[in-house]
Amino acid sequence: LFGFYGAHTHSKGAVRAFWVYLLVSVLIDALWLYQYSALQPFTWEQMQQMTRREQVAVALTAVNVLYKLVVVGVSVRLQMLLGAFEAAELQGDRPGDTSAAGGTSNGGRAASGSLAAQDASAKV
């Protein structure tokens, strides 16, 4: 939920918390694979001796770890883009100034066809 909230509100902190917690989750999955799965020792021969159920558990955990690592990469990139967006916004207009441009309640600019932008243009 941190990821969705951070992307929705453009919060760098929430996005950063999301990918840090996701990395902790990846670490826990890796520890499970290494220590507690039926894949002990971690060899191809051991993988072949496991039951189908154990093989599926190991395979799904490995796919889940790969998926999480991709999402961490995307989240780090989103955090960097949000930082660049905030820096550009600070150089241009004041973030809280929504009087002339028709902004949103959190200080962002409203889309040109939105009700907030139409309301701002009607006031001018």
Foldseek 3Di string as FASTA:
>chain_A
DLCVVCVVLVPLVSLVVVLVVLVVVLVVLVCCLPPPQQCPPVDPVSLVPDDPVSNVVNVVSVVVSVVSVVVSVVSVVSSVVSVVVVVVCVVPDDQQDCQQQQPDPRRHGDPCPDPSRVVSVVVD
